Amino acid sequence: MSRLESRIIGLFIGIMCPVSLFVLFWWTAAALTIYHILLIPESGITIAAFTGLIAGVVLDVFHLKKWITRFYNTDMKLMVLAYLFLSIMAVALFMGLPFGNIALGTLAGLYVGRKQYHSRASTEVFVRNIRNVSIFTTLVTGAEALSIGILARGEPIIVEVLQTLWGLNQFAATDLNWLSLVTIVCLALSFIQFLCTRTAATLAFKIGK
């Protein structure tokens, strides 16, 4: 692995570890309060969130070098769990818009491409693996987009925005019309995600060859 690649990986992990733990601790504390499992005051939720942030920084200090070295040898089950969590973060950060998920799926393609490159995988193995990861990211992005689309059905302001931006003056927001629109959008996003993941993986695999 080149020094530049190691630095990029270190920067990514170094940022995402504290941020992910910040969000995880924040959401966990908030969920415990929302579902009346524990009554945590707002100040307690804030403390929990920054505890996660500090824990992430501490983990970086003691383990970052090891994580960089083992980055491409990480158990794929752990990477899948991390991807699912980050995809939920992306949905929340972009308020349901798909930009974060598309970018995350592209990063997944880059990761798999470099992983296959460093393991010196054959073209046949690479093609099979990238097909699998592209299908996975496509399913995740499509499922989350479908969920957001269904939930958005109950928000009149979203229907008004669509009518204004897309000129759908005759668009009647019936359940059938809405489901049809959501389905078309989800299929388009899924296709874009598949292409982005596969293209990123292919380019990452070829770098250095």
Protein backbone atom coordinates (compact mmCIF):
# COMPACT_ATOMS: atom_id res chain seq x y z
CA MET A 1 0.00 0.00 0.00
CA SER A 2 1.41 3.40 -0.96
CA ARG A 3 1.97 6.18 1.57
CA LEU A 4 -0.69 8.33 -0.10
CA GLU A 5 -3.27 5.55 0.08
CA SER A 6 -2.40 4.91 3.74
CA ARG A 7 -2.87 8.59 4.54
CA ILE A 8 -6.23 8.72 2.79
CA ILE A 9 -7.39 5.63 4.68
CA GLY A 10 -6.09 7.06 7.95
CA LEU A 11 -7.89 10.34 7.35
CA PHE A 12 -11.14 8.55 6.56
CA ILE A 13 -11.03 6.22 9.58
CA GLY A 14 -9.73 8.97 11.84
CA ILE A 15 -12.76 11.12 11.07
CA MET A 16 -15.45 8.46 10.77
CA CYS A 17 -14.66 6.63 14.02
CA PRO A 18 -15.37 9.60 16.35
CA VAL A 19 -18.26 10.86 14.21
CA SER A 20 -19.91 7.43 14.07
CA LEU A 21 -19.61 6.89 17.82
CA PHE A 22 -20.91 10.42 18.43
CA VAL A 23 -24.02 9.65 16.39
CA LEU A 24 -24.42 6.14 17.82
CA PHE A 25 -24.29 7.32 21.44
CA TRP A 26 -26.57 10.27 20.62
CA TRP A 27 -29.20 8.17 18.85
CA THR A 28 -29.07 5.43 21.50
CA ALA A 29 -29.62 7.88 24.34
CA ALA A 30 -32.40 9.64 22.41
CA ALA A 31 -34.09 6.32 21.56
CA LEU A 32 -34.03 5.20 25.20
CA THR A 33 -35.82 8.43 26.11
CA ILE A 34 -38.31 8.39 23.23
CA TYR A 35 -39.41 4.83 23.98
CA HIS A 36 -39.53 5.53 27.74
CA ILE A 37 -36.93 2.91 28.56
CA LEU A 38 -34.81 5.45 30.43
CA LEU A 39 -35.72 9.04 31.17
CA ILE A 40 -32.59 10.88 30.05
CA PRO A 41 -32.67 14.70 30.12
CA GLU A 42 -31.46 16.69 27.11
CA SER A 43 -28.23 17.47 28.92
CA GLY A 44 -27.72 13.74 29.46
CA ILE A 45 -28.22 13.04 25.74
CA THR A 46 -25.65 15.72 24.95
CA ILE A 47 -23.20 14.21 27.42
CA ALA A 48 -23.76 10.75 25.91
CA ALA A 49 -23.09 12.07 22.39
CA PHE A 50 -19.82 13.77 23.35
CA THR A 51 -18.80 10.71 25.34
CA GLY A 52 -19.03 8.77 22.09
CA LEU A 53 -16.99 11.44 20.32
CA ILE A 54 -14.25 11.29 22.95
CA ALA A 55 -14.28 7.48 22.91
CA GLY A 56 -13.77 7.60 19.13
CA VAL A 57 -10.81 9.95 19.46
CA VAL A 58 -9.25 7.68 22.12
CA LEU A 59 -9.71 4.64 19.88
CA ASP A 60 -8.04 6.53 17.04
CA VAL A 61 -5.04 7.36 19.21
CA PHE A 62 -4.44 3.75 20.24
CA HIS A 63 -5.62 1.76 17.22
CA LEU A 64 -5.53 3.91 14.07
CA LYS A 65 -2.20 2.59 12.78
CA LYS A 66 -3.35 -1.00 13.22
CA TRP A 67 -6.67 -0.27 11.51
CA ILE A 68 -4.89 1.26 8.52
CA THR A 69 -2.68 -1.80 8.14
CA ARG A 70 -5.62 -4.21 8.37
CA PHE A 71 -8.09 -2.06 6.44
CA TYR A 72 -8.39 -4.36 3.44
CA ASN A 73 -8.43 -7.49 5.59
CA THR A 74 -11.39 -6.49 7.75
CA ASP A 75 -14.16 -9.08 8.10
CA MET A 76 -16.78 -8.35 5.43
CA LYS A 77 -19.60 -8.94 7.93
CA LEU A 78 -18.26 -6.04 9.99
CA MET A 79 -17.95 -3.90 6.87
CA VAL A 80 -21.56 -4.68 5.93
CA LEU A 81 -22.77 -3.61 9.39
CA ALA A 82 -20.68 -0.44 9.16
CA TYR A 83 -22.09 0.29 5.70
CA LEU A 84 -25.68 -0.12 6.87
CA PHE A 85 -25.09 2.20 9.83
CA LEU A 86 -23.38 4.82 7.68
CA SER A 87 -26.19 4.60 5.13
CA ILE A 88 -28.71 5.42 7.86
CA MET A 89 -26.50 8.33 8.91
CA ALA A 90 -26.45 9.52 5.30
CA VAL A 91 -30.25 9.44 5.11
CA ALA A 92 -30.50 11.51 8.28
CA LEU A 93 -27.74 13.94 7.29
CA PHE A 94 -29.24 14.67 3.86
CA MET A 95 -32.81 14.64 5.20
CA GLY A 96 -33.90 11.75 3.00
CA LEU A 97 -32.22 12.94 -0.20
CA PRO A 98 -30.13 10.20 -1.87
CA PHE A 99 -26.87 12.10 -2.40
CA GLY A 100 -25.16 10.69 0.68
CA ASN A 101 -26.19 7.13 -0.15
CA ILE A 102 -24.93 7.39 -3.73
CA ALA A 103 -21.59 8.72 -2.45
CA LEU A 104 -21.39 5.97 0.16
CA GLY A 105 -22.09 3.29 -2.43
CA THR A 106 -19.36 4.77 -4.61
CA LEU A 107 -16.92 4.56 -1.67
CA ALA A 108 -17.92 0.92 -1.21
CA GLY A 109 -16.97 0.32 -4.83
CA LEU A 110 -13.61 2.00 -4.30
CA TYR A 111 -12.98 -0.14 -1.22
CA VAL A 112 -13.78 -3.42 -2.95
CA GLY A 113 -11.74 -2.47 -6.00
CA ARG A 114 -8.65 -1.68 -3.91
CA LYS A 115 -9.22 -4.75 -1.74
CA GLN A 116 -9.24 -6.96 -4.82
CA TYR A 117 -6.19 -5.17 -6.20
CA HIS A 118 -4.12 -5.68 -3.05
CA SER A 119 -5.18 -9.33 -2.78
CA ARG A 120 -4.15 -9.78 -6.44
CA ALA A 121 -7.51 -11.23 -7.34
CA SER A 122 -8.04 -12.63 -10.80
CA THR A 123 -10.33 -10.83 -13.21
CA GLU A 124 -12.97 -13.53 -12.77
CA VAL A 125 -12.96 -13.19 -8.96
CA PHE A 126 -13.03 -9.41 -9.23
CA VAL A 127 -16.00 -9.43 -11.61
CA ARG A 128 -17.95 -11.71 -9.29
CA ASN A 129 -17.17 -9.68 -6.17
CA ILE A 130 -17.94 -6.32 -7.72
CA ARG A 131 -21.23 -7.65 -9.05
CA ASN A 132 -22.17 -8.76 -5.54
CA VAL A 133 -21.21 -5.47 -3.87
CA SER A 134 -22.95 -3.45 -6.61
CA ILE A 135 -26.15 -5.41 -6.09
CA PHE A 136 -25.84 -4.94 -2.32
CA THR A 137 -25.39 -1.16 -2.47
CA THR A 138 -28.19 -0.93 -5.04
CA LEU A 139 -30.59 -2.84 -2.80
CA VAL A 140 -29.72 -0.69 0.23
CA THR A 141 -30.11 2.59 -1.64
CA GLY A 142 -33.32 1.42 -3.34
CA ALA A 143 -34.87 0.17 -0.07
CA GLU A 144 -34.06 3.36 1.81
CA ALA A 145 -35.34 5.53 -1.05
CA LEU A 146 -38.56 3.50 -1.14
CA SER A 147 -39.03 3.88 2.61
CA ILE A 148 -38.47 7.64 2.44
CA GLY A 149 -40.84 7.92 -0.51
CA ILE A 150 -43.61 6.06 1.31
CA LEU A 151 -43.14 8.14 4.45
CA ALA A 152 -43.14 11.34 2.40
CA ARG A 153 -46.62 10.48 1.12
CA GLY A 154 -48.04 11.97 4.33
CA GLU A 155 -46.27 15.31 3.86
CA PRO A 156 -48.41 17.69 1.73
CA ILE A 157 -45.55 20.17 1.38
CA ILE A 158 -43.48 17.58 -0.48
CA VAL A 159 -46.29 17.03 -2.99
CA GLU A 160 -46.52 20.78 -3.51
CA VAL A 161 -42.77 21.04 -4.09
CA LEU A 162 -42.92 18.26 -6.70
CA GLN A 163 -45.79 19.96 -8.47
CA THR A 164 -43.90 23.26 -8.53
CA LEU A 165 -40.44 22.01 -9.48
CA TRP A 166 -41.47 19.40 -12.02
CA GLY A 167 -44.46 21.24 -13.43
CA LEU A 168 -46.84 18.50 -12.35
CA ASN A 169 -49.80 20.81 -12.16
CA GLN A 170 -52.21 18.00 -12.98
CA PHE A 171 -50.53 15.56 -10.59
CA ALA A 172 -53.10 14.09 -8.24
CA ALA A 173 -51.45 12.74 -5.10
CA THR A 174 -53.47 9.55 -4.94
CA ASP A 175 -51.88 6.48 -3.41
CA LEU A 176 -51.53 4.84 -6.84
CA ASN A 177 -49.97 7.91 -8.48
CA TRP A 178 -47.61 8.42 -5.57
CA LEU A 179 -46.53 4.77 -5.53
CA SER A 180 -45.91 4.89 -9.27
CA LEU A 181 -43.79 8.02 -8.95
CA VAL A 182 -41.83 6.63 -6.02
CA THR A 183 -41.22 3.36 -7.86
CA ILE A 184 -39.86 5.16 -10.94
CA VAL A 185 -37.57 7.34 -8.82
CA CYS A 186 -36.32 4.34 -6.82
CA LEU A 187 -35.55 2.38 -9.97
CA ALA A 188 -33.63 5.34 -11.40
CA LEU A 189 -31.65 5.78 -8.17
CA SER A 190 -30.93 2.06 -8.02
CA PHE A 191 -29.59 2.12 -11.58
CA ILE A 192 -27.38 5.13 -10.81
CA GLN A 193 -26.10 3.46 -7.64
CA PHE A 194 -25.24 0.25 -9.48
CA LEU A 195 -23.29 2.15 -12.13
CA CYS A 196 -21.46 4.32 -9.57
CA THR A 197 -20.41 1.35 -7.44
CA ARG A 198 -19.30 -0.78 -10.38
CA THR A 199 -17.45 2.07 -12.10
CA ALA A 200 -15.65 3.11 -8.91
CA ALA A 201 -14.60 -0.48 -8.23
CA THR A 202 -13.34 -1.00 -11.76
CA LEU A 203 -11.26 2.18 -11.70
CA ALA A 204 -9.88 1.42 -8.21
CA PHE A 205 -8.91 -2.09 -9.30
CA LYS A 206 -7.00 -0.79 -12.31
CA ILE A 207 -5.00 1.85 -10.40
CA GLY A 208 -1.39 0.68 -10.11
CA LYS A 209 -1.67 -2.05 -12.70
